[in-house]
C-alpha atoms as a PDB file:
ATOM      1  CA  MET A   1     113.458 176.255  66.870  1.00  0.00           C
ATOM      2  CA  TYR A   2     116.676 177.425  68.556  1.00  0.00           C
ATOM      3  CA  ALA A   3     117.868 179.279  65.433  1.00  0.00           C
ATOM      4  CA  ALA A   4     114.518 181.027  65.206  1.00  0.00           C
ATOM      5  CA  ILE A   5     114.745 182.109  68.829  1.00  0.00           C
ATOM      6  CA  ARG A   6     118.223 183.528  68.193  1.00  0.00           C
ATOM      7  CA  ARG A   7     116.818 185.527  65.269  1.00  0.00           C
ATOM      8  CA  VAL A   8     114.082 186.907  67.515  1.00  0.00           C
ATOM      9  CA  ARG A   9     116.703 188.044  70.019  1.00  0.00           C
ATOM     10  CA  ALA A  10     118.709 189.792  67.284  1.00  0.00           C
ATOM     11  CA  VAL A  11     115.647 191.654  66.018  1.00  0.00           C
ATOM     12  CA  ALA A  12     114.711 192.579  69.571  1.00  0.00           C
ATOM     13  CA  GLY A  13     118.177 194.060  70.068  1.00  0.00           C
ATOM     14  CA  ALA A  14     117.683 196.404  67.123  1.00  0.00           C
ATOM     15  CA  ARG A  15     114.303 197.457  68.448  1.00  0.00           C
ATOM     16  CA  ARG A  16     115.801 198.188  71.858  1.00  0.00           C
ATOM     17  CA  ALA A  17     118.218 200.630  70.261  1.00  0.00           C
ATOM     18  CA  LEU A  18     115.342 202.506  68.640  1.00  0.00           C
ATOM     19  CA  LEU A  19     113.482 202.673  71.948  1.00  0.00           C
ATOM     20  CA  ALA A  20     116.452 203.693  74.087  1.00  0.00           C
ATOM     21  CA  LEU A  21     115.843 207.444  73.897  1.00  0.00           C
ATOM     22  CA  ALA A  22     112.146 207.107  74.683  1.00  0.00           C
ATOM     23  CA  LEU A  23     112.779 204.876  77.671  1.00  0.00           C
ATOM     24  CA  ALA A  24     115.451 207.227  78.986  1.00  0.00           C
ATOM     25  CA  VAL A  25     112.895 210.010  79.345  1.00  0.00           C
ATOM     26  CA  GLY A  26     111.488 210.157  82.831  1.00  0.00           C
ATOM     27  CA  MET A  27     113.916 207.691  84.401  1.00  0.00           C
ATOM     28  CA  GLY A  28     114.778 210.112  87.201  1.00  0.00           C
ATOM     29  CA  ALA A  29     114.321 208.558  90.602  1.00  0.00           C
ATOM     30  CA  ALA A  30     113.209 205.259  89.090  1.00  0.00           C
ATOM     31  CA  HIS A  31     116.682 204.738  87.637  1.00  0.00           C
ATOM     32  CA  ALA A  32     118.149 204.814  91.116  1.00  0.00           C
ATOM     33  CA  HIS A  33     115.947 201.861  92.025  1.00  0.00           C
ATOM     34  CA  ALA A  34     116.616 199.864  88.851  1.00  0.00           C
ATOM     35  CA  GLY A  35     120.117 198.796  89.810  1.00  0.00           C
ATOM     36  CA  ASP A  36     118.831 197.402  93.086  1.00  0.00           C
ATOM     37  CA  VAL A  37     116.088 195.298  91.504  1.00  0.00           C
ATOM     38  CA  LYS A  38     116.825 191.589  91.098  1.00  0.00           C
ATOM     39  CA  ILE A  39     114.840 189.124  89.023  1.00  0.00           C
ATOM     40  CA  LEU A  40     114.147 185.820  90.762  1.00  0.00           C
ATOM     41  CA  SER A  41     113.132 182.631  89.024  1.00  0.00           C
ATOM     42  CA  ALA A  42     112.770 178.883  89.442  1.00  0.00           C
ATOM     43  CA  ASP A  43     113.172 176.061  86.960  1.00  0.00           C
ATOM     44  CA  ILE A  44     109.535 175.792  85.830  1.00  0.00           C
ATOM     45  CA  PRO A  45     109.299 174.753  82.166  1.00  0.00           C
ATOM     46  CA  PRO A  46     108.021 176.121  79.855  1.00  0.00           C
ATOM     47  CA  TYR A  47     107.965 179.438  81.702  1.00  0.00           C
ATOM     48  CA  SER A  48     111.565 179.500  82.890  1.00  0.00           C
ATOM     49  CA  ILE A  49     114.317 176.967  82.184  1.00  0.00           C
ATOM     50  CA  LYS A  50     117.541 177.155  84.155  1.00  0.00           C
ATOM     51  CA  ASP A  51     119.786 174.963  82.017  1.00  0.00           C
ATOM     52  CA  GLY A  52     118.909 174.514  78.382  1.00  0.00           C
ATOM     53  CA  GLU A  53     119.226 175.923  74.890  1.00  0.00           C
ATOM     54  CA  THR A  54     115.924 177.714  75.417  1.00  0.00           C
ATOM     55  CA  GLN A  55     115.187 179.897  78.426  1.00  0.00           C
ATOM     56  CA  GLY A  56     111.402 179.619  78.692  1.00  0.00           C
ATOM     57  CA  PHE A  57     108.970 182.182  77.359  1.00  0.00           C
ATOM     58  CA  VAL A  58     108.332 184.056  80.621  1.00  0.00           C
ATOM     59  CA  ALA A  59     112.085 184.242  81.221  1.00  0.00           C
ATOM     60  CA  GLU A  60     112.598 185.534  77.670  1.00  0.00           C
ATOM     61  CA  VAL A  61     109.970 188.232  78.174  1.00  0.00           C
ATOM     62  CA  ALA A  62     111.415 189.258  81.554  1.00  0.00           C
ATOM     63  CA  LYS A  63     114.972 189.481  80.225  1.00  0.00           C
ATOM     64  CA  GLU A  64     113.876 191.523  77.212  1.00  0.00           C
ATOM     65  CA  ILE A  65     111.973 193.991  79.394  1.00  0.00           C
ATOM     66  CA  ALA A  66     114.966 194.278  81.725  1.00  0.00           C
ATOM     67  CA  ARG A  67     117.249 195.142  78.813  1.00  0.00           C
ATOM     68  CA  ARG A  68     114.825 197.770  77.555  1.00  0.00           C
ATOM     69  CA  VAL A  69     114.626 199.526  80.918  1.00  0.00           C
ATOM     70  CA  GLY A  70     118.386 199.414  81.469  1.00  0.00           C
ATOM     71  CA  GLN A  71     118.322 196.771  84.176  1.00  0.00           C
ATOM     72  CA  SER A  72     120.432 193.622  84.470  1.00  0.00           C
ATOM     73  CA  PRO A  73     118.673 190.779  82.621  1.00  0.00           C
ATOM     74  CA  GLU A  74     120.224 188.134  84.877  1.00  0.00           C
ATOM     75  CA  LEU A  75     117.755 185.698  86.421  1.00  0.00           C
ATOM     76  CA  ASN A  76     118.633 184.511  89.925  1.00  0.00           C
ATOM     77  CA  TYR A  77     117.504 180.887  90.202  1.00  0.00           C
ATOM     78  CA  SER A  78     116.612 178.905  93.292  1.00  0.00           C
ATOM     79  CA  SER A  79     113.927 176.444  94.353  1.00  0.00           C
ATOM     80  CA  TRP A  80     110.320 177.575  94.052  1.00  0.00           C
ATOM     81  CA  SER A  81     109.888 177.558  97.839  1.00  0.00           C
ATOM     82  CA  ARG A  82     112.831 179.917  98.294  1.00  0.00           C
ATOM     83  CA  VAL A  83     111.965 182.405  95.557  1.00  0.00           C
ATOM     84  CA  TYR A  84     108.314 182.511  96.618  1.00  0.00           C
ATOM     85  CA  LYS A  85     109.366 183.350 100.168  1.00  0.00           C
ATOM     86  CA  ALA A  86     111.931 185.889  98.949  1.00  0.00           C
ATOM     87  CA  ILE A  87     109.481 187.796  96.745  1.00  0.00           C
ATOM     88  CA  GLN A  88     107.253 188.343  99.776  1.00  0.00           C
ATOM     89  CA  THR A  89     109.957 189.279 102.278  1.00  0.00           C
ATOM     90  CA  GLN A  90     112.793 190.978 100.366  1.00  0.00           C
ATOM     91  CA  PRO A  91     112.523 194.468  98.833  1.00  0.00           C
ATOM     92  CA  ASN A  92     113.041 195.316  95.156  1.00  0.00           C
ATOM     93  CA  ARG A  93     112.552 191.829  93.804  1.00  0.00           C
ATOM     94  CA  LEU A  94     110.779 190.579  90.686  1.00  0.00           C
ATOM     95  CA  LEU A  95     109.657 186.983  90.181  1.00  0.00           C
ATOM     96  CA  ALA A  96     109.233 185.441  86.743  1.00  0.00           C
ATOM     97  CA  PRO A  97     106.993 183.450  86.607  1.00  0.00           C
ATOM     98  CA  ILE A  98     104.159 183.401  89.131  1.00  0.00           C
ATOM     99  CA  ALA A  99     100.435 182.691  88.714  1.00  0.00           C
ATOM    100  CA  ARG A 100      98.069 185.364  89.982  1.00  0.00           C
ATOM    101  CA  THR A 101      95.456 183.976  92.380  1.00  0.00           C
ATOM    102  CA  PRO A 102      93.049 185.396  94.971  1.00  0.00           C
ATOM    103  CA  GLN A 103      95.167 183.843  97.731  1.00  0.00           C
ATOM    104  CA  ARG A 104      98.246 185.705  96.496  1.00  0.00           C
ATOM    105  CA  GLU A 105      96.522 188.926  95.445  1.00  0.00           C
ATOM    106  CA  GLU A 106      97.504 191.079  98.434  1.00  0.00           C
ATOM    107  CA  LYS A 107     100.934 189.513  98.929  1.00  0.00           C
ATOM    108  CA  LEU A 108     102.658 190.841  95.807  1.00  0.00           C
ATOM    109  CA  THR A 109     102.764 193.606  93.233  1.00  0.00           C
ATOM    110  CA  TRP A 110     101.406 192.291  89.924  1.00  0.00           C
ATOM    111  CA  VAL A 111     103.642 193.849  87.308  1.00  0.00           C
ATOM    112  CA  VAL A 112     103.212 192.229  83.870  1.00  0.00           C
ATOM    113  CA  PRO A 113     100.566 189.692  82.709  1.00  0.00           C
ATOM    114  CA  VAL A 114     102.493 187.384  80.371  1.00  0.00           C
ATOM    115  CA  TYR A 115     100.271 184.422  79.498  1.00  0.00           C
ATOM    116  CA  PRO A 116      96.917 182.765  80.382  1.00  0.00           C
ATOM    117  CA  ASP A 117      97.141 179.082  81.320  1.00  0.00           C
ATOM    118  CA  ARG A 118      94.916 176.477  82.949  1.00  0.00           C
ATOM    119  CA  MET A 119      95.275 173.996  85.785  1.00  0.00           C
ATOM    120  CA  VAL A 120      94.285 170.443  84.877  1.00  0.00           C
ATOM    121  CA  VAL A 121      94.194 166.914  86.223  1.00  0.00           C
ATOM    122  CA  MET A 122      96.327 164.866  83.842  1.00  0.00           C
ATOM    123  CA  THR A 123      96.479 161.101  83.468  1.00  0.00           C
ATOM    124  CA  TYR A 124      98.661 159.126  81.087  1.00  0.00           C
ATOM    125  CA  GLY A 125      98.294 156.089  78.858  1.00  0.00           C
ATOM    126  CA  GLU A 126      96.279 154.931  75.865  1.00  0.00           C
ATOM    127  CA  ASP A 127      93.616 153.477  78.165  1.00  0.00           C
ATOM    128  CA  ALA A 128      93.883 156.126  80.879  1.00  0.00           C
ATOM    129  CA  GLU A 129      90.673 157.573  82.277  1.00  0.00           C
ATOM    130  CA  LYS A 130      89.961 161.285  82.373  1.00  0.00           C
ATOM    131  CA  LEU A 131      89.585 162.029  86.071  1.00  0.00           C
ATOM    132  CA  SER A 132      88.459 164.808  88.344  1.00  0.00           C
ATOM    133  CA  LEU A 133      90.773 165.728  91.207  1.00  0.00           C
ATOM    134  CA  LYS A 134      88.512 163.933  93.672  1.00  0.00           C
ATOM    135  CA  GLU A 135      88.441 160.799  91.525  1.00  0.00           C
ATOM    136  CA  ALA A 136      92.221 160.871  91.096  1.00  0.00           C
ATOM    137  CA  ALA A 137      92.778 161.118  94.858  1.00  0.00           C
ATOM    138  CA  GLU A 138      90.308 158.308  95.497  1.00  0.00           C
ATOM    139  CA  LYS A 139      92.108 156.157  92.945  1.00  0.00           C
ATOM    140  CA  GLY A 140      95.582 156.672  94.388  1.00  0.00           C
ATOM    141  CA  MET A 141      98.443 159.162  94.236  1.00  0.00           C
ATOM    142  CA  VAL A 142      98.307 162.647  92.719  1.00  0.00           C
ATOM    143  CA  GLY A 143     101.593 164.346  91.843  1.00  0.00           C
ATOM    144  CA  VAL A 144     102.128 168.021  92.749  1.00  0.00           C
ATOM    145  CA  GLN A 145     105.102 170.358  92.968  1.00  0.00           C
ATOM    146  CA  GLN A 146     105.901 171.438  96.517  1.00  0.00           C
ATOM    147  CA  ASP A 147     104.491 174.849  97.545  1.00  0.00           C
ATOM    148  CA  SER A 148     103.167 175.408  94.034  1.00  0.00           C
ATOM    149  CA  LEU A 149      99.779 176.770  93.098  1.00  0.00           C
ATOM    150  CA  MET A 150      98.631 173.181  92.558  1.00  0.00           C
ATOM    151  CA  HIS A 151      99.850 172.106  95.990  1.00  0.00           C
ATOM    152  CA  GLU A 152      97.937 174.999  97.562  1.00  0.00           C
ATOM    153  CA  LEU A 153      94.760 174.083  95.711  1.00  0.00           C
ATOM    154  CA  ALA A 154      94.980 170.379  96.565  1.00  0.00           C
ATOM    155  CA  LYS A 155      95.193 171.225 100.256  1.00  0.00           C
ATOM    156  CA  LYS A 156      92.318 173.701  99.939  1.00  0.00           C
ATOM    157  CA  ARG A 157      90.213 171.010  98.252  1.00  0.00           C
ATOM    158  CA  GLY A 158      90.836 168.753 101.234  1.00  0.00           C
ATOM    159  CA  ILE A 159      92.981 166.177  99.445  1.00  0.00           C
ATOM    160  CA  ASP A 160      94.632 164.067 102.131  1.00  0.00           C
ATOM    161  CA  ALA A 161      98.408 164.402 102.342  1.00  0.00           C
ATOM    162  CA  SER A 162      98.702 160.622 102.041  1.00  0.00           C
ATOM    163  CA  ASN A 163      97.290 160.893  98.501  1.00  0.00           C
ATOM    164  CA  LEU A 164      99.765 163.561  97.375  1.00  0.00           C
ATOM    165  CA  ASP A 165     103.119 162.712  95.848  1.00  0.00           C
ATOM    166  CA  ILE A 166     105.086 165.921  96.447  1.00  0.00           C
ATOM    167  CA  SER A 167     108.144 166.790  94.352  1.00  0.00           C
ATOM    168  CA  GLY A 168     110.570 169.696  94.336  1.00  0.00           C
ATOM    169  CA  ASP A 169     110.476 170.119  90.546  1.00  0.00           C
ATOM    170  CA  THR A 170     108.269 169.478  87.513  1.00  0.00           C
ATOM    171  CA  ALA A 171     110.366 166.747  85.902  1.00  0.00           C
ATOM    172  CA  THR A 172     109.839 164.221  88.703  1.00  0.00           C
ATOM    173  CA  PRO A 173     106.021 164.003  88.495  1.00  0.00           C
ATOM    174  CA  ALA A 174     106.218 163.903  84.686  1.00  0.00           C
ATOM    175  CA  ARG A 175     108.485 160.863  84.829  1.00  0.00           C
ATOM    176  CA  LYS A 176     106.424 159.207  87.555  1.00  0.00           C
ATOM    177  CA  LEU A 177     103.179 159.724  85.642  1.00  0.00           C
ATOM    178  CA  ALA A 178     104.595 158.226  82.447  1.00  0.00           C
ATOM    179  CA  ALA A 179     106.001 155.277  84.412  1.00  0.00           C
ATOM    180  CA  GLY A 180     102.703 154.620  86.192  1.00  0.00           C
ATOM    181  CA  ARG A 181     104.148 155.436  89.611  1.00  0.00           C
ATOM    182  CA  ILE A 182     101.456 158.054  90.254  1.00  0.00           C
ATOM    183  CA  ASP A 183      97.851 157.967  89.074  1.00  0.00           C
ATOM    184  CA  ALA A 184      97.446 161.612  88.069  1.00  0.00           C
ATOM    185  CA  TRP A 185      99.274 164.907  87.935  1.00  0.00           C
ATOM    186  CA  LEU A 186      97.778 168.214  89.073  1.00  0.00           C
ATOM    187  CA  VAL A 187      99.589 170.701  86.860  1.00  0.00           C
ATOM    188  CA  LEU A 188      99.406 173.711  84.568  1.00  0.00           C
ATOM    189  CA  GLU A 189      98.834 172.382  81.059  1.00  0.00           C
ATOM    190  CA  SER A 190     101.619 174.205  79.212  1.00  0.00           C
ATOM    191  CA  MET A 191     104.045 173.259  81.983  1.00  0.00           C
ATOM    192  CA  ALA A 192     103.160 169.582  81.663  1.00  0.00           C
ATOM    193  CA  MET A 193     103.534 169.467  77.887  1.00  0.00           C
ATOM    194  CA  MET A 194     106.876 171.271  77.838  1.00  0.00           C
ATOM    195  CA  THR A 195     108.276 169.180  80.694  1.00  0.00           C
ATOM    196  CA  MET A 196     107.295 165.935  78.987  1.00  0.00           C
ATOM    197  CA  LYS A 197     109.014 166.972  75.784  1.00  0.00           C
ATOM    198  CA  GLN A 198     112.154 167.931  77.689  1.00  0.00           C
ATOM    199  CA  GLU A 199     112.175 164.582  79.473  1.00  0.00           C
ATOM    200  CA  GLY A 200     111.707 162.652  76.238  1.00  0.00           C
ATOM    201  CA  ILE A 201     108.179 161.583  77.172  1.00  0.00           C
ATOM    202  CA  ASP A 202     105.605 161.346  74.392  1.00  0.00           C
ATOM    203  CA  PRO A 203     102.790 163.768  75.333  1.00  0.00           C
ATOM    204  CA  GLY A 204     100.393 161.969  72.983  1.00  0.00           C
ATOM    205  CA  PRO A 205      98.972 159.527  75.582  1.00  0.00           C
ATOM    206  CA  ALA A 206      98.362 162.333  78.103  1.00  0.00           C
ATOM    207  CA  LYS A 207      94.693 162.786  78.971  1.00  0.00           C
ATOM    208  CA  ILE A 208      93.208 166.020  80.298  1.00  0.00           C
ATOM    209  CA  GLY A 209      90.487 165.433  82.856  1.00  0.00           C
ATOM    210  CA  GLU A 210      89.067 168.134  85.086  1.00  0.00           C
ATOM    211  CA  VAL A 211      89.984 171.691  84.154  1.00  0.00           C
ATOM    212  CA  ILE A 212      90.086 173.198  87.600  1.00  0.00           C
ATOM    213  CA  LYS A 213      90.984 176.821  87.010  1.00  0.00           C
ATOM    214  CA  GLU A 214      92.401 179.229  84.496  1.00  0.00           C
ATOM    215  CA  PHE A 215      95.205 181.549  85.533  1.00  0.00           C
ATOM    216  CA  THR A 216      97.299 184.336  84.137  1.00  0.00           C
ATOM    217  CA  ILE A 217     101.036 183.850  84.516  1.00  0.00           C
ATOM    218  CA  TYR A 218     102.685 187.083  85.645  1.00  0.00           C
ATOM    219  CA  ILE A 219     105.960 188.725  86.370  1.00  0.00           C
ATOM    220  CA  GLY A 220     105.333 189.638  89.989  1.00  0.00           C
ATOM    221  CA  GLY A 221     107.099 192.019  92.325  1.00  0.00           C
ATOM    222  CA  SER A 222     107.788 192.596  95.997  1.00  0.00           C
ATOM    223  CA  PRO A 223     104.874 194.184  97.874  1.00  0.00           C
ATOM    224  CA  ASP A 224     106.775 197.487  98.152  1.00  0.00           C
ATOM    225  CA  LEU A 225     108.167 197.570  94.607  1.00  0.00           C
ATOM    226  CA  PRO A 226     108.459 201.271  93.635  1.00  0.00           C
ATOM    227  CA  ASP A 227     105.698 202.570  91.382  1.00  0.00           C
ATOM    228  CA  GLN A 228     108.285 203.999  88.980  1.00  0.00           C
ATOM    229  CA  VAL A 229     109.802 200.559  88.426  1.00  0.00           C
ATOM    230  CA  VAL A 230     106.380 199.008  87.869  1.00  0.00           C
ATOM    231  CA  LYS A 231     105.464 201.681  85.320  1.00  0.00           C
ATOM    232  CA  ARG A 232     108.681 201.305  83.354  1.00  0.00           C
ATOM    233  CA  TRP A 233     108.268 197.517  83.175  1.00  0.00           C
ATOM    234  CA  ARG A 234     104.663 197.824  82.052  1.00  0.00           C
ATOM    235  CA  ASP A 235     105.523 200.467  79.447  1.00  0.00           C
ATOM    236  CA  ALA A 236     108.329 198.304  78.063  1.00  0.00           C
ATOM    237  CA  PHE A 237     106.002 195.286  77.898  1.00  0.00           C
ATOM    238  CA  GLU A 238     103.420 197.301  75.971  1.00  0.00           C
ATOM    239  CA  ALA A 239     106.166 198.405  73.581  1.00  0.00           C
ATOM    240  CA  MET A 240     107.135 194.747  73.059  1.00  0.00           C
ATOM    241  CA  LYS A 241     103.567 193.909  72.117  1.00  0.00           C
ATOM    242  CA  LYS A 242     103.310 196.840  69.728  1.00  0.00           C
ATOM    243  CA  ASP A 243     106.571 196.140  67.899  1.00  0.00           C
ATOM    244  CA  GLY A 244     105.904 192.395  67.613  1.00  0.00           C
ATOM    245  CA  THR A 245     108.679 191.116  69.894  1.00  0.00           C
ATOM    246  CA  TYR A 246     106.248 189.567  72.375  1.00  0.00           C
ATOM    247  CA  ALA A 247     104.353 187.681  69.654  1.00  0.00           C
ATOM    248  CA  GLU A 248     107.600 186.432  68.140  1.00  0.00           C
ATOM    249  CA  ILE A 249     108.867 185.084  71.469  1.00  0.00           C
ATOM    250  CA  MET A 250     105.590 183.321  72.215  1.00  0.00           C
ATOM    251  CA  SER A 251     105.372 181.793  68.745  1.00  0.00           C
ATOM    252  CA  MET A 252     108.810 180.246  69.164  1.00  0.00           C
ATOM    253  CA  TYR A 253     107.422 178.240  72.094  1.00  0.00           C
ATOM    254  CA  GLY A 254     104.206 177.277  70.336  1.00  0.00           C
ATOM    255  CA  VAL A 255     101.955 179.307  72.642  1.00  0.00           C
END
């Protein structure tokens, strides 16, 4: 898989050269903003992976767009709590990835829709039951990532804090679920599958219970992100879809 991803990057580089002149047109004032824009991220497999041979498909898309618009493709990693606060309070920031929800709608600029995903209640084991969120909480402990979309939803659903096992990353609940230390995991499906594979956990015994919501994973921006920057990112993303780069990146991750 890694060799295939490297080939995709090489092809994308050639395509960027062909698009350079077109993207240069109309930069004007927007170019002045581009150097100030920073891309934030957190270690959230399979969307963004801080340390690994693969980078995550949302990270790959964000970096490719950045290169096409003449911006630094560097991703600035921190904990989810920190980057989520920063994207709301600091100017000229992009965040890859973030799920678009009604609760977040007015807080950010929604720049590029990368991938649709779904939030599920996952249990683990050959004899594991498929549970709703309510049933999982009644049975015992439900794993969630701190300040994540799932954490927000669990609180909104009235799940008692004593029934939530809160972690700062995605690997911890994956390991706990497989070891039987929590009863269920409230998680985005693609995130769960990728994390299990990375942790050496067989995803075969995983059971999907309640499908709570479907979401689109975005590259989001600060509330005051300049319109010119937003337009250039969207135009570059559309170009990626037209020339096949987007499809190639996604296929390398099996999504």
